[in-house]
Amino acid sequence: MEQQLFKLATSNGIWAALYVFLFLYVLYDSRNREKKYQITIHENQGIIKELSQKLGVVEDIQKDVIDIRQEIKRR
């Protein structure tokens, strides 16, 4: 498909060929960038999941500390 576009563009002049080249370059570059973004999003989802689990542990510790403080105040 790219070869057909190049043949058509070269028959229509240098500016058409440059436009097609630039268009295809941007298309491939965007595809690669999108793949990198998807990988980053996947990694970030794992980090978010891990942090939310750790937050649950911190909340449990906070509840225990509150209970201990209340028990100390009663004595």
PDB file of N, CA and C in Angstrom:
ATOM      1  N   MET A   1       0.819  -1.184   0.000  1.00  0.00           N
ATOM      2  CA  MET A   1       0.000   0.000   0.000  1.00  0.00           C
ATOM      3  C   MET A   1       0.867   1.253   0.000  1.00  0.00           C
ATOM      4  N   GLU A   2       1.929   1.264   0.823  1.00  0.00           N
ATOM      5  CA  GLU A   2       2.807   2.422   0.876  1.00  0.00           C
ATOM      6  C   GLU A   2       3.495   2.646  -0.464  1.00  0.00           C
ATOM      7  N   GLN A   3       3.865   1.550  -1.127  1.00  0.00           N
ATOM      8  CA  GLN A   3       4.542   1.676  -2.420  1.00  0.00           C
ATOM      9  C   GLN A   3       3.617   2.292  -3.463  1.00  0.00           C
ATOM     10  N   GLN A   4       2.353   1.915  -3.425  1.00  0.00           N
ATOM     11  CA  GLN A   4       1.394   2.494  -4.365  1.00  0.00           C
ATOM     12  C   GLN A   4       1.223   3.983  -4.106  1.00  0.00           C
ATOM     13  N   LEU A   5       1.180   4.362  -2.833  1.00  0.00           N
ATOM     14  CA  LEU A   5       1.065   5.778  -2.497  1.00  0.00           C
ATOM     15  C   LEU A   5       2.295   6.552  -2.960  1.00  0.00           C
ATOM     16  N   PHE A   6       3.483   5.973  -2.794  1.00  0.00           N
ATOM     17  CA  PHE A   6       4.698   6.647  -3.239  1.00  0.00           C
ATOM     18  C   PHE A   6       4.717   6.803  -4.759  1.00  0.00           C
ATOM     19  N   LYS A   7       4.310   5.764  -5.480  1.00  0.00           N
ATOM     20  CA  LYS A   7       4.268   5.861  -6.945  1.00  0.00           C
ATOM     21  C   LYS A   7       3.304   6.950  -7.389  1.00  0.00           C
ATOM     22  N   LEU A   8       2.141   6.993  -6.765  1.00  0.00           N
ATOM     23  CA  LEU A   8       1.151   8.011  -7.105  1.00  0.00           C
ATOM     24  C   LEU A   8       1.663   9.402  -6.746  1.00  0.00           C
ATOM     25  N   ALA A   9       2.307   9.510  -5.600  1.00  0.00           N
ATOM     26  CA  ALA A   9       2.808  10.811  -5.163  1.00  0.00           C
ATOM     27  C   ALA A   9       3.944  11.303  -6.052  1.00  0.00           C
ATOM     28  N   THR A  10       4.856  10.410  -6.441  1.00  0.00           N
ATOM     29  CA  THR A  10       5.970  10.835  -7.295  1.00  0.00           C
ATOM     30  C   THR A  10       5.484  11.242  -8.677  1.00  0.00           C
ATOM     31  N   SER A  11       4.424  10.654  -9.136  1.00  0.00           N
ATOM     32  CA  SER A  11       3.888  11.059 -10.439  1.00  0.00           C
ATOM     33  C   SER A  11       3.204  12.418 -10.358  1.00  0.00           C
ATOM     34  N   ASN A  12       2.829  12.851  -9.161  1.00  0.00           N
ATOM     35  CA  ASN A  12       2.168  14.144  -8.986  1.00  0.00           C
ATOM     36  C   ASN A  12       3.118  15.241  -8.506  1.00  0.00           C
ATOM     37  N   GLY A  13       4.375  14.951  -8.355  1.00  0.00           N
ATOM     38  CA  GLY A  13       5.337  15.984  -7.985  1.00  0.00           C
ATOM     39  C   GLY A  13       5.995  15.723  -6.652  1.00  0.00           C
ATOM     40  N   ILE A  14       7.050  16.503  -6.412  1.00  0.00           N
ATOM     41  CA  ILE A  14       7.851  16.319  -5.207  1.00  0.00           C
ATOM     42  C   ILE A  14       7.070  16.662  -3.942  1.00  0.00           C
ATOM     43  N   TRP A  15       6.186  17.665  -4.007  1.00  0.00           N
ATOM     44  CA  TRP A  15       5.444  18.066  -2.818  1.00  0.00           C
ATOM     45  C   TRP A  15       4.450  16.986  -2.401  1.00  0.00           C
ATOM     46  N   ALA A  16       3.865  16.335  -3.366  1.00  0.00           N
ATOM     47  CA  ALA A  16       2.956  15.234  -3.041  1.00  0.00           C
ATOM     48  C   ALA A  16       3.731  14.078  -2.415  1.00  0.00           C
ATOM     49  N   ALA A  17       4.917  13.794  -2.944  1.00  0.00           N
ATOM     50  CA  ALA A  17       5.746  12.717  -2.392  1.00  0.00           C
ATOM     51  C   ALA A  17       6.170  13.049  -0.961  1.00  0.00           C
ATOM     52  N   LEU A  18       6.573  14.298  -0.736  1.00  0.00           N
ATOM     53  CA  LEU A  18       6.956  14.703   0.618  1.00  0.00           C
ATOM     54  C   LEU A  18       5.775  14.623   1.580  1.00  0.00           C
ATOM     55  N   TYR A  19       4.602  15.009   1.105  1.00  0.00           N
ATOM     56  CA  TYR A  19       3.412  14.941   1.951  1.00  0.00           C
ATOM     57  C   TYR A  19       3.114  13.498   2.338  1.00  0.00           C
ATOM     58  N   VAL A  20       3.160  12.594   1.366  1.00  0.00           N
ATOM     59  CA  VAL A  20       2.869  11.182   1.645  1.00  0.00           C
ATOM     60  C   VAL A  20       3.909  10.611   2.601  1.00  0.00           C
ATOM     61  N   PHE A  21       5.183  10.944   2.378  1.00  0.00           N
ATOM     62  CA  PHE A  21       6.231  10.462   3.275  1.00  0.00           C
ATOM     63  C   PHE A  21       5.989  10.952   4.703  1.00  0.00           C
ATOM     64  N   LEU A  22       5.708  12.240   4.844  1.00  0.00           N
ATOM     65  CA  LEU A  22       5.468  12.805   6.167  1.00  0.00           C
ATOM     66  C   LEU A  22       4.234  12.188   6.816  1.00  0.00           C
ATOM     67  N   PHE A  23       3.198  11.984   6.036  1.00  0.00           N
ATOM     68  CA  PHE A  23       1.974  11.371   6.556  1.00  0.00           C
ATOM     69  C   PHE A  23       2.249   9.969   7.085  1.00  0.00           C
ATOM     70  N   LEU A  24       2.958   9.164   6.308  1.00  0.00           N
ATOM     71  CA  LEU A  24       3.263   7.796   6.744  1.00  0.00           C
ATOM     72  C   LEU A  24       4.187   7.791   7.963  1.00  0.00           C
ATOM     73  N   TYR A  25       5.143   8.718   7.990  1.00  0.00           N
ATOM     74  CA  TYR A  25       6.044   8.816   9.139  1.00  0.00           C
ATOM     75  C   TYR A  25       5.260   9.127  10.412  1.00  0.00           C
ATOM     76  N   VAL A  26       4.372  10.085  10.334  1.00  0.00           N
ATOM     77  CA  VAL A  26       3.565  10.465  11.496  1.00  0.00           C
ATOM     78  C   VAL A  26       2.659   9.311  11.909  1.00  0.00           C
ATOM     79  N   LEU A  27       2.120   8.598  10.944  1.00  0.00           N
ATOM     80  CA  LEU A  27       1.248   7.462  11.235  1.00  0.00           C
ATOM     81  C   LEU A  27       2.001   6.377  12.011  1.00  0.00           C
ATOM     82  N   TYR A  28       3.187   6.001  11.543  1.00  0.00           N
ATOM     83  CA  TYR A  28       3.968   4.971  12.232  1.00  0.00           C
ATOM     84  C   TYR A  28       4.447   5.460  13.601  1.00  0.00           C
ATOM     85  N   ASP A  29       4.845   6.725  13.671  1.00  0.00           N
ATOM     86  CA  ASP A  29       5.300   7.283  14.940  1.00  0.00           C
ATOM     87  C   ASP A  29       4.166   7.291  15.964  1.00  0.00           C
ATOM     88  N   SER A  30       2.983   7.637  15.535  1.00  0.00           N
ATOM     89  CA  SER A  30       1.821   7.647  16.434  1.00  0.00           C
ATOM     90  C   SER A  30       1.507   6.243  16.928  1.00  0.00           C
ATOM     91  N   ARG A  31       1.616   5.277  16.053  1.00  0.00           N
ATOM     92  CA  ARG A  31       1.347   3.888  16.435  1.00  0.00           C
ATOM     93  C   ARG A  31       2.331   3.426  17.510  1.00  0.00           C
ATOM     94  N   ASN A  32       3.614   3.746  17.320  1.00  0.00           N
ATOM     95  CA  ASN A  32       4.621   3.358  18.314  1.00  0.00           C
ATOM     96  C   ASN A  32       4.408   4.081  19.639  1.00  0.00           C
ATOM     97  N   ARG A  33       4.057   5.352  19.577  1.00  0.00           N
ATOM     98  CA  ARG A  33       3.805   6.118  20.793  1.00  0.00           C
ATOM     99  C   ARG A  33       2.603   5.551  21.543  1.00  0.00           C
ATOM    100  N   GLU A  34       1.578   5.161  20.813  1.00  0.00           N
ATOM    101  CA  GLU A  34       0.382   4.586  21.440  1.00  0.00           C
ATOM    102  C   GLU A  34       0.719   3.272  22.145  1.00  0.00           C
ATOM    103  N   LYS A  35       1.580   2.457  21.540  1.00  0.00           N
ATOM    104  CA  LYS A  35       1.997   1.213  22.191  1.00  0.00           C
ATOM    105  C   LYS A  35       2.710   1.508  23.506  1.00  0.00           C
ATOM    106  N   LYS A  36       3.591   2.512  23.488  1.00  0.00           N
ATOM    107  CA  LYS A  36       4.305   2.881  24.713  1.00  0.00           C
ATOM    108  C   LYS A  36       3.338   3.383  25.775  1.00  0.00           C
ATOM    109  N   TYR A  37       2.347   4.171  25.369  1.00  0.00           N
ATOM    110  CA  TYR A  37       1.348   4.664  26.322  1.00  0.00           C
ATOM    111  C   TYR A  37       0.564   3.513  26.936  1.00  0.00           C
ATOM    112  N   GLN A  38       0.202   2.533  26.143  1.00  0.00           N
ATOM    113  CA  GLN A  38      -0.545   1.393  26.660  1.00  0.00           C
ATOM    114  C   GLN A  38       0.278   0.616  27.678  1.00  0.00           C
ATOM    115  N   ILE A  39       1.567   0.454  27.406  1.00  0.00           N
ATOM    116  CA  ILE A  39       2.452  -0.231  28.354  1.00  0.00           C
ATOM    117  C   ILE A  39       2.541   0.562  29.654  1.00  0.00           C
ATOM    118  N   THR A  40       2.688   1.880  29.534  1.00  0.00           N
ATOM    119  CA  THR A  40       2.766   2.739  30.716  1.00  0.00           C
ATOM    120  C   THR A  40       1.486   2.668  31.533  1.00  0.00           C
ATOM    121  N   ILE A  41       0.351   2.696  30.861  1.00  0.00           N
ATOM    122  CA  ILE A  41      -0.938   2.614  31.555  1.00  0.00           C
ATOM    123  C   ILE A  41      -1.054   1.287  32.295  1.00  0.00           C
ATOM    124  N   HIS A  42      -0.649   0.206  31.650  1.00  0.00           N
ATOM    125  CA  HIS A  42      -0.710  -1.113  32.284  1.00  0.00           C
ATOM    126  C   HIS A  42       0.177  -1.150  33.533  1.00  0.00           C
ATOM    127  N   GLU A  43       1.384  -0.605  33.430  1.00  0.00           N
ATOM    128  CA  GLU A  43       2.286  -0.579  34.588  1.00  0.00           C
ATOM    129  C   GLU A  43       1.704   0.278  35.711  1.00  0.00           C
ATOM    130  N   ASN A  44       1.119   1.409  35.345  1.00  0.00           N
ATOM    131  CA  ASN A  44       0.535   2.291  36.360  1.00  0.00           C
ATOM    132  C   ASN A  44      -0.653   1.644  37.054  1.00  0.00           C
ATOM    133  N   GLN A  45      -1.415   0.846  36.337  1.00  0.00           N
ATOM    134  CA  GLN A  45      -2.539   0.151  36.961  1.00  0.00           C
ATOM    135  C   GLN A  45      -2.040  -0.805  38.038  1.00  0.00           C
ATOM    136  N   GLY A  46      -0.933  -1.487  37.763  1.00  0.00           N
ATOM    137  CA  GLY A  46      -0.348  -2.378  38.765  1.00  0.00           C
ATOM    138  C   GLY A  46       0.121  -1.619  39.992  1.00  0.00           C
ATOM    139  N   ILE A  47       0.736  -0.468  39.766  1.00  0.00           N
ATOM    140  CA  ILE A  47       1.208   0.356  40.882  1.00  0.00           C
ATOM    141  C   ILE A  47       0.033   0.860  41.706  1.00  0.00           C
ATOM    142  N   ILE A  48      -1.025   1.296  41.040  1.00  0.00           N
ATOM    143  CA  ILE A  48      -2.214   1.790  41.752  1.00  0.00           C
ATOM    144  C   ILE A  48      -2.832   0.682  42.593  1.00  0.00           C
ATOM    145  N   LYS A  49      -2.897  -0.513  42.039  1.00  0.00           N
ATOM    146  CA  LYS A  49      -3.460  -1.639  42.782  1.00  0.00           C
ATOM    147  C   LYS A  49      -2.627  -1.932  44.031  1.00  0.00           C
ATOM    148  N   GLU A  50      -1.313  -1.909  43.875  1.00  0.00           N
ATOM    149  CA  GLU A  50      -0.417  -2.167  45.007  1.00  0.00           C
ATOM    150  C   GLU A  50      -0.554  -1.079  46.074  1.00  0.00           C
ATOM    151  N   LEU A  51      -0.627   0.173  45.648  1.00  0.00           N
ATOM    152  CA  LEU A  51      -0.761   1.273  46.610  1.00  0.00           C
ATOM    153  C   LEU A  51      -2.097   1.236  47.338  1.00  0.00           C
ATOM    154  N   SER A  52      -3.151   0.835  46.649  1.00  0.00           N
ATOM    155  CA  SER A  52      -4.456   0.759  47.314  1.00  0.00           C
ATOM    156  C   SER A  52      -4.461  -0.345  48.370  1.00  0.00           C
ATOM    157  N   GLN A  53      -3.752  -1.441  48.108  1.00  0.00           N
ATOM    158  CA  GLN A  53      -3.639  -2.494  49.118  1.00  0.00           C
ATOM    159  C   GLN A  53      -2.859  -1.991  50.332  1.00  0.00           C
ATOM    160  N   LYS A  54      -1.792  -1.248  50.079  1.00  0.00           N
ATOM    161  CA  LYS A  54      -0.994  -0.701  51.183  1.00  0.00           C
ATOM    162  C   LYS A  54      -1.791   0.330  51.963  1.00  0.00           C
ATOM    163  N   LEU A  55      -2.641   1.083  51.292  1.00  0.00           N
ATOM    164  CA  LEU A  55      -3.482   2.054  51.985  1.00  0.00           C
ATOM    165  C   LEU A  55      -4.437   1.340  52.932  1.00  0.00           C
ATOM    166  N   GLY A  56      -4.951   0.196  52.519  1.00  0.00           N
ATOM    167  CA  GLY A  56      -5.820  -0.588  53.396  1.00  0.00           C
ATOM    168  C   GLY A  56      -5.097  -1.016  54.655  1.00  0.00           C
ATOM    169  N   VAL A  57      -3.837  -1.396  54.526  1.00  0.00           N
ATOM    170  CA  VAL A  57      -3.039  -1.788  55.689  1.00  0.00           C
ATOM    171  C   VAL A  57      -2.844  -0.589  56.609  1.00  0.00           C
ATOM    172  N   VAL A  58      -2.555   0.567  56.034  1.00  0.00           N
ATOM    173  CA  VAL A  58      -2.360   1.779  56.837  1.00  0.00           C
ATOM    174  C   VAL A  58      -3.645   2.151  57.564  1.00  0.00           C
ATOM    175  N   GLU A  59      -4.773   2.015  56.909  1.00  0.00           N
ATOM    176  CA  GLU A  59      -6.054   2.310  57.557  1.00  0.00           C
ATOM    177  C   GLU A  59      -6.310   1.358  58.721  1.00  0.00           C
ATOM    178  N   ASP A  60      -5.960   0.088  58.553  1.00  0.00           N
ATOM    179  CA  ASP A  60      -6.109  -0.876  59.650  1.00  0.00           C
ATOM    180  C   ASP A  60      -5.223  -0.494  60.836  1.00  0.00           C
ATOM    181  N   ILE A  61      -3.998  -0.085  60.549  1.00  0.00           N
ATOM    182  CA  ILE A  61      -3.088   0.332  61.616  1.00  0.00           C
ATOM    183  C   ILE A  61      -3.639   1.568  62.318  1.00  0.00           C
ATOM    184  N   GLN A  62      -4.197   2.492  61.554  1.00  0.00           N
ATOM    185  CA  GLN A  62      -4.770   3.704  62.142  1.00  0.00           C
ATOM    186  C   GLN A  62      -5.922   3.358  63.085  1.00  0.00           C
ATOM    187  N   LYS A  63      -6.759   2.418  62.696  1.00  0.00           N
ATOM    188  CA  LYS A  63      -7.860   1.993  63.567  1.00  0.00           C
ATOM    189  C   LYS A  63      -7.321   1.371  64.850  1.00  0.00           C
ATOM    190  N   ASP A  64      -6.270   0.558  64.722  1.00  0.00           N
ATOM    191  CA  ASP A  64      -5.669  -0.060  65.906  1.00  0.00           C
ATOM    192  C   ASP A  64      -5.088   0.994  66.843  1.00  0.00           C
ATOM    193  N   VAL A  65      -4.443   1.998  66.288  1.00  0.00           N
ATOM    194  CA  VAL A  65      -3.866   3.066  67.107  1.00  0.00           C
ATOM    195  C   VAL A  65      -4.966   3.822  67.840  1.00  0.00           C
ATOM    196  N   ILE A  66      -6.058   4.099  67.167  1.00  0.00           N
ATOM    197  CA  ILE A  66      -7.187   4.785  67.809  1.00  0.00           C
ATOM    198  C   ILE A  66      -7.738   3.939  68.950  1.00  0.00           C
ATOM    199  N   ASP A  67      -7.879   2.635  68.717  1.00  0.00           N
ATOM    200  CA  ASP A  67      -8.364   1.738  69.773  1.00  0.00           C
ATOM    201  C   ASP A  67      -7.413   1.728  70.969  1.00  0.00           C
ATOM    202  N   ILE A  68      -6.118   1.697  70.698  1.00  0.00           N
ATOM    203  CA  ILE A  68      -5.130   1.689  71.782  1.00  0.00           C
ATOM    204  C   ILE A  68      -5.199   2.995  72.568  1.00  0.00           C
ATOM    205  N   ARG A  69      -5.322   4.118  71.883  1.00  0.00           N
ATOM    206  CA  ARG A  69      -5.433   5.413  72.570  1.00  0.00           C
ATOM    207  C   ARG A  69      -6.671   5.458  73.464  1.00  0.00           C
ATOM    208  N   GLN A  70      -7.769   4.973  72.952  1.00  0.00           N
ATOM    209  CA  GLN A  70      -9.000   4.970  73.748  1.00  0.00           C
ATOM    210  C   GLN A  70      -8.839   4.083  74.978  1.00  0.00           C
ATOM    211  N   GLU A  71      -8.185   2.957  74.819  1.00  0.00           N
ATOM    212  CA  GLU A  71      -7.968   2.046  75.945  1.00  0.00           C
ATOM    213  C   GLU A  71      -7.046   2.686  76.985  1.00  0.00           C
ATOM    214  N   ILE A  72      -6.032   3.383  76.533  1.00  0.00           N
ATOM    215  CA  ILE A  72      -5.111   4.047  77.461  1.00  0.00           C
ATOM    216  C   ILE A  72      -5.830   5.165  78.209  1.00  0.00           C
ATOM    217  N   LYS A  73      -6.684   5.915  77.536  1.00  0.00           N
ATOM    218  CA  LYS A  73      -7.413   7.012  78.181  1.00  0.00           C
ATOM    219  C   LYS A  73      -8.371   6.485  79.240  1.00  0.00           C
ATOM    220  N   ARG A  74      -8.934   5.308  79.042  1.00  0.00           N
ATOM    221  CA  ARG A  74      -9.858   4.723  80.013  1.00  0.00           C
ATOM    222  C   ARG A  74      -9.137   4.309  81.282  1.00  0.00           C
ATOM    223  N   ARG A  75      -7.898   3.975  81.216  1.00  0.00           N
ATOM    224  CA  ARG A  75      -7.157   3.472  82.387  1.00  0.00           C
ATOM    225  C   ARG A  75      -6.605   4.578  83.154  1.00  0.00           C
TER     226      ARG A  75
END
